[in-house]
Amino acid sequence: MDNLLHLDRTLDELDPPRWTAPAADTTHLVRKVHELRRVPLRELTPADLRTLIAQRVALPYVLPLAVRLLIEEPLLDAYLYEGDLLVAAVEAPPAAWAVLPDLGERLRTVIKNLSEEAVADLPRGAAEELACFVARPGSSSR
């Protein structure tokens, strides 16, 4: 979790180039993501992390923060529903996880330890997403 050493810095600092201000007519989501790039990592909330991950922004920096939370509370309700941060994390592109193999393995362990009941309570399709993540090449379950 080396990227956690930069908690006092922003994504604009860590993930160049700095983004310019969004156009005045952009959506709320686009404005929000631009704003989040200027927030120190330590101040990002679970909902912020979910948003950044879902929008695939600076994943080498935000995925470690999310995994740190998910190790403690795998079914954390970040914004929309119980387990939404976990689902967003496993839906991140395989290439993002390829540069974070140890974190991927830690998250796979967390997922494998979830009860069937907990997984069944997730929205439709989430159980399949979790299973696909666990079964990806590089996983210790191969």
N, C-alpha and C. Protein backbone atom coordinates (compact mmCIF):
# COMPACT_ATOMS: atom_id res chain seq x y z
N MET A 1 0.82 -1.18 0.00
CA MET A 1 0.00 0.00 0.00
C MET A 1 0.88 1.26 0.00
N ASP A 2 1.93 1.22 -0.79
CA ASP A 2 2.86 2.33 -0.87
C ASP A 2 2.18 3.65 -1.19
N ASN A 3 1.12 3.60 -1.98
CA ASN A 3 0.44 4.83 -2.36
C ASN A 3 -0.21 5.52 -1.18
N LEU A 4 -0.35 4.83 -0.06
CA LEU A 4 -0.94 5.44 1.12
C LEU A 4 0.03 6.41 1.79
N LEU A 5 1.28 6.42 1.36
CA LEU A 5 2.25 7.34 1.93
C LEU A 5 1.99 8.78 1.51
N HIS A 6 1.14 8.97 0.53
CA HIS A 6 0.89 10.29 -0.02
C HIS A 6 -0.47 10.85 0.40
N LEU A 7 -0.92 10.53 1.57
CA LEU A 7 -2.26 10.91 1.99
C LEU A 7 -2.49 12.41 2.09
N ASP A 8 -1.42 13.18 2.20
CA ASP A 8 -1.57 14.63 2.30
C ASP A 8 -1.60 15.29 0.92
N ARG A 9 -1.43 14.52 -0.13
CA ARG A 9 -1.41 15.07 -1.49
C ARG A 9 -2.72 14.78 -2.21
N THR A 10 -2.94 15.48 -3.31
CA THR A 10 -4.16 15.32 -4.10
C THR A 10 -3.89 14.48 -5.34
N LEU A 11 -4.95 14.03 -5.95
CA LEU A 11 -4.79 13.28 -7.21
C LEU A 11 -4.22 14.16 -8.30
N ASP A 12 -4.55 15.42 -8.31
CA ASP A 12 -3.96 16.32 -9.30
C ASP A 12 -2.45 16.38 -9.14
N GLU A 13 -1.96 16.27 -7.92
CA GLU A 13 -0.51 16.27 -7.68
C GLU A 13 0.11 14.93 -8.04
N LEU A 14 -0.57 13.85 -7.70
CA LEU A 14 -0.01 12.50 -7.85
C LEU A 14 -0.22 11.88 -9.22
N ASP A 15 -1.25 12.32 -9.91
CA ASP A 15 -1.67 11.69 -11.16
C ASP A 15 -1.72 12.75 -12.27
N PRO A 16 -0.54 13.21 -12.71
CA PRO A 16 -0.53 14.27 -13.71
C PRO A 16 -1.09 13.78 -15.05
N PRO A 17 -1.49 14.73 -15.87
CA PRO A 17 -1.43 16.17 -15.65
C PRO A 17 -2.61 16.63 -14.81
N ARG A 18 -2.44 17.80 -14.21
CA ARG A 18 -3.55 18.41 -13.47
C ARG A 18 -4.69 18.64 -14.45
N TRP A 19 -5.89 18.41 -13.97
CA TRP A 19 -7.06 18.63 -14.82
C TRP A 19 -7.43 20.10 -14.81
N THR A 20 -7.83 20.59 -15.95
CA THR A 20 -8.34 21.96 -16.03
C THR A 20 -9.76 21.98 -15.47
N ALA A 21 -10.23 23.16 -15.18
CA ALA A 21 -11.61 23.29 -14.66
C ALA A 21 -12.60 22.79 -15.71
N PRO A 22 -13.65 22.12 -15.26
CA PRO A 22 -14.65 21.63 -16.23
C PRO A 22 -15.43 22.79 -16.84
N ALA A 23 -15.97 22.55 -18.00
CA ALA A 23 -16.80 23.56 -18.64
C ALA A 23 -18.02 23.84 -17.78
N ALA A 24 -18.57 25.03 -17.93
CA ALA A 24 -19.71 25.45 -17.11
C ALA A 24 -20.94 24.58 -17.31
N ASP A 25 -21.08 23.99 -18.47
CA ASP A 25 -22.29 23.20 -18.75
C ASP A 25 -22.10 21.70 -18.54
N THR A 26 -21.06 21.30 -17.82
CA THR A 26 -20.84 19.87 -17.58
C THR A 26 -21.81 19.34 -16.52
N THR A 27 -21.89 18.04 -16.45
CA THR A 27 -22.79 17.40 -15.50
C THR A 27 -22.26 17.53 -14.07
N HIS A 28 -23.17 17.28 -13.14
CA HIS A 28 -22.79 17.28 -11.73
C HIS A 28 -21.68 16.26 -11.47
N LEU A 29 -21.78 15.08 -12.08
CA LEU A 29 -20.78 14.04 -11.87
C LEU A 29 -19.41 14.50 -12.36
N VAL A 30 -19.33 15.10 -13.51
CA VAL A 30 -18.05 15.57 -14.03
C VAL A 30 -17.46 16.64 -13.10
N ARG A 31 -18.29 17.56 -12.65
CA ARG A 31 -17.81 18.58 -11.72
C ARG A 31 -17.32 17.95 -10.41
N LYS A 32 -18.06 16.96 -9.93
CA LYS A 32 -17.68 16.28 -8.68
C LYS A 32 -16.33 15.59 -8.81
N VAL A 33 -16.12 14.87 -9.91
CA VAL A 33 -14.85 14.17 -10.10
C VAL A 33 -13.70 15.18 -10.18
N HIS A 34 -13.90 16.28 -10.87
CA HIS A 34 -12.87 17.32 -10.94
C HIS A 34 -12.57 17.86 -9.55
N GLU A 35 -13.60 18.09 -8.75
CA GLU A 35 -13.41 18.57 -7.38
C GLU A 35 -12.63 17.56 -6.55
N LEU A 36 -12.97 16.28 -6.69
CA LEU A 36 -12.31 15.23 -5.89
C LEU A 36 -10.83 15.12 -6.20
N ARG A 37 -10.43 15.46 -7.39
CA ARG A 37 -9.00 15.41 -7.75
C ARG A 37 -8.20 16.46 -6.99
N ARG A 38 -8.87 17.44 -6.39
CA ARG A 38 -8.18 18.50 -5.65
C ARG A 38 -8.27 18.31 -4.13
N VAL A 39 -8.81 17.19 -3.70
CA VAL A 39 -8.96 16.89 -2.27
C VAL A 39 -7.80 16.01 -1.82
N PRO A 40 -7.15 16.32 -0.69
CA PRO A 40 -6.11 15.43 -0.19
C PRO A 40 -6.66 14.01 0.00
N LEU A 41 -5.86 13.01 -0.32
CA LEU A 41 -6.32 11.63 -0.26
C LEU A 41 -6.92 11.28 1.09
N ARG A 42 -6.33 11.77 2.16
CA ARG A 42 -6.83 11.42 3.51
C ARG A 42 -8.24 11.93 3.76
N GLU A 43 -8.69 12.90 2.98
CA GLU A 43 -10.02 13.48 3.18
C GLU A 43 -11.08 12.84 2.29
N LEU A 44 -10.70 11.94 1.42
CA LEU A 44 -11.68 11.29 0.55
C LEU A 44 -12.55 10.34 1.36
N THR A 45 -13.84 10.45 1.21
CA THR A 45 -14.79 9.60 1.92
C THR A 45 -14.99 8.30 1.14
N PRO A 46 -15.61 7.29 1.75
CA PRO A 46 -15.94 6.08 0.99
C PRO A 46 -16.78 6.39 -0.26
N ALA A 47 -17.71 7.33 -0.15
CA ALA A 47 -18.51 7.70 -1.31
C ALA A 47 -17.65 8.33 -2.40
N ASP A 48 -16.68 9.15 -1.99
CA ASP A 48 -15.76 9.74 -2.96
C ASP A 48 -14.95 8.66 -3.67
N LEU A 49 -14.45 7.71 -2.89
CA LEU A 49 -13.67 6.61 -3.48
C LEU A 49 -14.51 5.81 -4.46
N ARG A 50 -15.75 5.54 -4.08
CA ARG A 50 -16.64 4.79 -4.97
C ARG A 50 -16.83 5.55 -6.28
N THR A 51 -17.04 6.85 -6.19
CA THR A 51 -17.23 7.67 -7.38
C THR A 51 -15.98 7.62 -8.26
N LEU A 52 -14.82 7.83 -7.67
CA LEU A 52 -13.58 7.84 -8.45
C LEU A 52 -13.30 6.48 -9.09
N ILE A 53 -13.55 5.41 -8.35
CA ILE A 53 -13.32 4.07 -8.89
C ILE A 53 -14.30 3.79 -10.03
N ALA A 54 -15.56 4.11 -9.81
CA ALA A 54 -16.57 3.87 -10.84
C ALA A 54 -16.27 4.66 -12.11
N GLN A 55 -15.65 5.84 -11.96
CA GLN A 55 -15.30 6.66 -13.11
C GLN A 55 -13.89 6.36 -13.62
N ARG A 56 -13.22 5.40 -12.95
CA ARG A 56 -11.89 4.94 -13.35
C ARG A 56 -10.85 6.06 -13.36
N VAL A 57 -10.85 6.81 -12.28
CA VAL A 57 -9.94 7.94 -12.14
C VAL A 57 -8.84 7.58 -11.14
N ALA A 58 -7.59 7.70 -11.58
CA ALA A 58 -6.42 7.54 -10.71
C ALA A 58 -6.48 6.25 -9.88
N LEU A 59 -6.81 5.17 -10.51
CA LEU A 59 -7.02 3.90 -9.79
C LEU A 59 -5.81 3.44 -8.98
N PRO A 60 -4.57 3.64 -9.43
CA PRO A 60 -3.45 3.21 -8.57
C PRO A 60 -3.41 3.91 -7.21
N TYR A 61 -4.09 5.03 -7.09
CA TYR A 61 -4.13 5.76 -5.82
C TYR A 61 -5.40 5.51 -5.03
N VAL A 62 -6.52 5.36 -5.71
CA VAL A 62 -7.77 5.21 -4.97
C VAL A 62 -8.08 3.75 -4.61
N LEU A 63 -7.67 2.80 -5.43
CA LEU A 63 -7.93 1.40 -5.08
C LEU A 63 -7.27 1.00 -3.75
N PRO A 64 -6.02 1.39 -3.49
CA PRO A 64 -5.45 1.04 -2.18
C PRO A 64 -6.24 1.62 -1.01
N LEU A 65 -6.77 2.81 -1.17
CA LEU A 65 -7.58 3.40 -0.10
C LEU A 65 -8.86 2.60 0.10
N ALA A 66 -9.47 2.20 -1.01
CA ALA A 66 -10.70 1.41 -0.92
C ALA A 66 -10.44 0.05 -0.28
N VAL A 67 -9.37 -0.61 -0.70
CA VAL A 67 -9.07 -1.93 -0.14
C VAL A 67 -8.82 -1.84 1.36
N ARG A 68 -8.16 -0.78 1.77
CA ARG A 68 -7.92 -0.59 3.21
C ARG A 68 -9.24 -0.57 3.97
N LEU A 69 -10.24 0.10 3.43
CA LEU A 69 -11.57 0.13 4.06
C LEU A 69 -12.28 -1.21 3.95
N LEU A 70 -12.16 -1.86 2.79
CA LEU A 70 -12.88 -3.11 2.55
C LEU A 70 -12.34 -4.26 3.38
N ILE A 71 -11.09 -4.22 3.73
CA ILE A 71 -10.52 -5.25 4.61
C ILE A 71 -11.22 -5.20 5.96
N GLU A 72 -11.49 -3.99 6.42
CA GLU A 72 -12.17 -3.81 7.71
C GLU A 72 -13.68 -4.04 7.62
N GLU A 73 -14.27 -3.60 6.52
CA GLU A 73 -15.73 -3.69 6.37
C GLU A 73 -16.07 -3.98 4.90
N PRO A 74 -16.05 -5.26 4.52
CA PRO A 74 -16.21 -5.62 3.11
C PRO A 74 -17.51 -5.12 2.47
N LEU A 75 -18.57 -5.07 3.23
CA LEU A 75 -19.86 -4.69 2.66
C LEU A 75 -20.22 -3.24 3.03
N LEU A 76 -19.22 -2.43 3.17
CA LEU A 76 -19.40 -1.02 3.47
C LEU A 76 -20.38 -0.38 2.49
N ASP A 77 -21.33 0.34 3.04
CA ASP A 77 -22.29 1.11 2.22
C ASP A 77 -21.68 2.49 2.03
N ALA A 78 -21.04 2.70 0.88
CA ALA A 78 -20.36 3.96 0.64
C ALA A 78 -21.32 5.06 0.22
N TYR A 79 -22.34 4.68 -0.55
CA TYR A 79 -23.19 5.72 -1.10
C TYR A 79 -24.57 5.21 -1.53
N LEU A 80 -24.60 4.08 -2.23
CA LEU A 80 -25.85 3.62 -2.83
C LEU A 80 -26.49 2.44 -2.11
N TYR A 81 -25.69 1.45 -1.73
CA TYR A 81 -26.20 0.23 -1.11
C TYR A 81 -25.07 -0.49 -0.40
N GLU A 82 -25.43 -1.39 0.48
CA GLU A 82 -24.43 -2.18 1.20
C GLU A 82 -23.61 -2.96 0.18
N GLY A 83 -22.30 -2.79 0.23
CA GLY A 83 -21.40 -3.50 -0.67
C GLY A 83 -21.06 -2.73 -1.94
N ASP A 84 -21.53 -1.49 -2.07
CA ASP A 84 -21.30 -0.74 -3.32
C ASP A 84 -19.83 -0.42 -3.57
N LEU A 85 -19.06 -0.16 -2.53
CA LEU A 85 -17.64 0.10 -2.73
C LEU A 85 -16.93 -1.17 -3.20
N LEU A 86 -17.28 -2.30 -2.61
CA LEU A 86 -16.70 -3.58 -3.03
C LEU A 86 -17.02 -3.87 -4.49
N VAL A 87 -18.25 -3.70 -4.88
CA VAL A 87 -18.64 -3.97 -6.27
C VAL A 87 -17.90 -3.02 -7.22
N ALA A 88 -17.80 -1.75 -6.86
CA ALA A 88 -17.06 -0.81 -7.70
C ALA A 88 -15.60 -1.25 -7.84
N ALA A 89 -15.00 -1.68 -6.74
CA ALA A 89 -13.59 -2.09 -6.78
C ALA A 89 -13.38 -3.30 -7.69
N VAL A 90 -14.23 -4.31 -7.58
CA VAL A 90 -14.02 -5.50 -8.41
C VAL A 90 -14.34 -5.24 -9.88
N GLU A 91 -15.12 -4.19 -10.15
CA GLU A 91 -15.42 -3.84 -11.53
C GLU A 91 -14.33 -2.98 -12.16
N ALA A 92 -13.32 -2.59 -11.38
CA ALA A 92 -12.19 -1.84 -11.95
C ALA A 92 -11.51 -2.74 -12.99
N PRO A 93 -10.96 -2.15 -14.03
CA PRO A 93 -10.34 -2.95 -15.09
C PRO A 93 -9.21 -3.84 -14.57
N PRO A 94 -9.07 -5.03 -15.14
CA PRO A 94 -7.97 -5.91 -14.74
C PRO A 94 -6.60 -5.23 -14.82
N ALA A 95 -6.41 -4.33 -15.77
CA ALA A 95 -5.13 -3.64 -15.89
C ALA A 95 -4.81 -2.81 -14.64
N ALA A 96 -5.84 -2.26 -14.00
CA ALA A 96 -5.62 -1.50 -12.77
C ALA A 96 -5.13 -2.40 -11.66
N TRP A 97 -5.71 -3.59 -11.58
CA TRP A 97 -5.31 -4.55 -10.54
C TRP A 97 -3.97 -5.17 -10.86
N ALA A 98 -3.57 -5.22 -12.12
CA ALA A 98 -2.29 -5.81 -12.50
C ALA A 98 -1.12 -5.06 -11.87
N VAL A 99 -1.27 -3.76 -11.66
CA VAL A 99 -0.20 -2.99 -11.02
C VAL A 99 -0.30 -3.02 -9.50
N LEU A 100 -1.33 -3.67 -8.98
CA LEU A 100 -1.55 -3.78 -7.53
C LEU A 100 -1.81 -5.24 -7.16
N PRO A 101 -0.93 -6.17 -7.54
CA PRO A 101 -1.24 -7.59 -7.35
C PRO A 101 -1.44 -8.01 -5.89
N ASP A 102 -0.66 -7.46 -4.98
CA ASP A 102 -0.81 -7.82 -3.57
C ASP A 102 -2.16 -7.36 -3.02
N LEU A 103 -2.57 -6.17 -3.41
CA LEU A 103 -3.87 -5.68 -2.98
C LEU A 103 -5.00 -6.50 -3.58
N GLY A 104 -4.83 -6.90 -4.83
CA GLY A 104 -5.83 -7.76 -5.46
C GLY A 104 -5.99 -9.06 -4.70
N GLU A 105 -4.88 -9.63 -4.28
CA GLU A 105 -4.94 -10.88 -3.52
C GLU A 105 -5.60 -10.66 -2.16
N ARG A 106 -5.31 -9.55 -1.54
CA ARG A 106 -5.94 -9.27 -0.24
C ARG A 106 -7.45 -9.12 -0.40
N LEU A 107 -7.86 -8.46 -1.48
CA LEU A 107 -9.29 -8.29 -1.71
C LEU A 107 -9.94 -9.63 -2.06
N ARG A 108 -9.25 -10.47 -2.80
CA ARG A 108 -9.78 -11.81 -3.11
C ARG A 108 -10.02 -12.59 -1.82
N THR A 109 -9.10 -12.49 -0.88
CA THR A 109 -9.25 -13.17 0.40
C THR A 109 -10.48 -12.65 1.14
N VAL A 110 -10.67 -11.35 1.13
CA VAL A 110 -11.84 -10.75 1.76
C VAL A 110 -13.12 -11.31 1.13
N ILE A 111 -13.15 -11.35 -0.18
CA ILE A 111 -14.34 -11.83 -0.90
C ILE A 111 -14.59 -13.30 -0.59
N LYS A 112 -13.55 -14.11 -0.58
CA LYS A 112 -13.71 -15.55 -0.30
C LYS A 112 -14.26 -15.79 1.10
N ASN A 113 -14.02 -14.87 2.01
CA ASN A 113 -14.48 -15.02 3.39
C ASN A 113 -15.89 -14.49 3.63
N LEU A 114 -16.51 -13.92 2.60
CA LEU A 114 -17.89 -13.45 2.73
C LEU A 114 -18.84 -14.64 2.78
N SER A 115 -19.86 -14.52 3.57
CA SER A 115 -20.86 -15.58 3.63
C SER A 115 -21.71 -15.57 2.37
N GLU A 116 -22.28 -16.72 2.05
CA GLU A 116 -23.18 -16.81 0.89
C GLU A 116 -24.37 -15.89 1.07
N GLU A 117 -24.86 -15.77 2.29
CA GLU A 117 -26.00 -14.89 2.56
C GLU A 117 -25.66 -13.44 2.26
N ALA A 118 -24.47 -13.01 2.66
CA ALA A 118 -24.05 -11.63 2.42
C ALA A 118 -23.96 -11.34 0.92
N VAL A 119 -23.40 -12.27 0.19
CA VAL A 119 -23.27 -12.10 -1.26
C VAL A 119 -24.64 -12.12 -1.91
N ALA A 120 -25.53 -12.98 -1.44
CA ALA A 120 -26.87 -13.08 -2.01
C ALA A 120 -27.68 -11.80 -1.82
N ASP A 121 -27.35 -11.03 -0.80
CA ASP A 121 -28.07 -9.78 -0.54
C ASP A 121 -27.61 -8.62 -1.42
N LEU A 122 -26.54 -8.82 -2.18
CA LEU A 122 -26.06 -7.76 -3.07
C LEU A 122 -26.97 -7.67 -4.30
N PRO A 123 -26.94 -6.55 -4.99
CA PRO A 123 -27.79 -6.40 -6.18
C PRO A 123 -27.50 -7.47 -7.24
N ARG A 124 -28.47 -7.65 -8.11
CA ARG A 124 -28.35 -8.64 -9.17
C ARG A 124 -27.06 -8.43 -9.97
N GLY A 125 -26.35 -9.49 -10.21
CA GLY A 125 -25.13 -9.45 -10.98
C GLY A 125 -23.88 -9.26 -10.14
N ALA A 126 -24.02 -8.78 -8.91
CA ALA A 126 -22.86 -8.51 -8.07
C ALA A 126 -22.12 -9.79 -7.69
N ALA A 127 -22.86 -10.85 -7.38
CA ALA A 127 -22.22 -12.12 -7.01
C ALA A 127 -21.34 -12.62 -8.15
N GLU A 128 -21.84 -12.47 -9.37
CA GLU A 128 -21.06 -12.90 -10.54
C GLU A 128 -19.80 -12.05 -10.70
N GLU A 129 -19.93 -10.74 -10.45
CA GLU A 129 -18.77 -9.85 -10.54
C GLU A 129 -17.71 -10.26 -9.51
N LEU A 130 -18.16 -10.58 -8.29
CA LEU A 130 -17.22 -11.00 -7.26
C LEU A 130 -16.53 -12.31 -7.66
N ALA A 131 -17.31 -13.26 -8.18
CA ALA A 131 -16.75 -14.54 -8.59
C ALA A 131 -15.74 -14.36 -9.73
N CYS A 132 -16.04 -13.50 -10.67
CA CYS A 132 -15.12 -13.24 -11.78
C CYS A 132 -13.82 -12.63 -11.27
N PHE A 133 -13.93 -11.71 -10.32
CA PHE A 133 -12.73 -11.09 -9.76
C PHE A 133 -11.86 -12.13 -9.07
N VAL A 134 -12.47 -12.99 -8.28
CA VAL A 134 -11.72 -14.02 -7.55
C VAL A 134 -11.05 -14.99 -8.53
N ALA A 135 -11.70 -15.26 -9.65
CA ALA A 135 -11.19 -16.25 -10.61
C ALA A 135 -10.21 -15.67 -11.64
N ARG A 136 -9.98 -14.40 -11.63
CA ARG A 136 -9.08 -13.77 -12.62
C ARG A 136 -7.70 -14.39 -12.58
N PRO A 137 -7.03 -14.42 -13.74
CA PRO A 137 -5.63 -14.86 -13.74
C PRO A 137 -4.80 -14.06 -12.75
N GLY A 138 -3.90 -14.76 -12.10
CA GLY A 138 -3.10 -14.13 -11.06
C GLY A 138 -3.68 -14.38 -9.69
N SER A 139 -4.90 -14.88 -9.65
CA SER A 139 -5.54 -15.19 -8.38
C SER A 139 -4.97 -16.47 -7.82
N SER A 140 -4.87 -16.54 -6.53
CA SER A 140 -4.34 -17.74 -5.88
C SER A 140 -5.32 -18.91 -5.95
N SER A 141 -6.54 -18.66 -6.46
CA SER A 141 -7.52 -19.74 -6.51
C SER A 141 -7.38 -20.59 -7.78
N ARG A 142 -6.45 -20.23 -8.66
CA ARG A 142 -6.27 -20.98 -9.91
C ARG A 142 -5.67 -22.33 -9.66
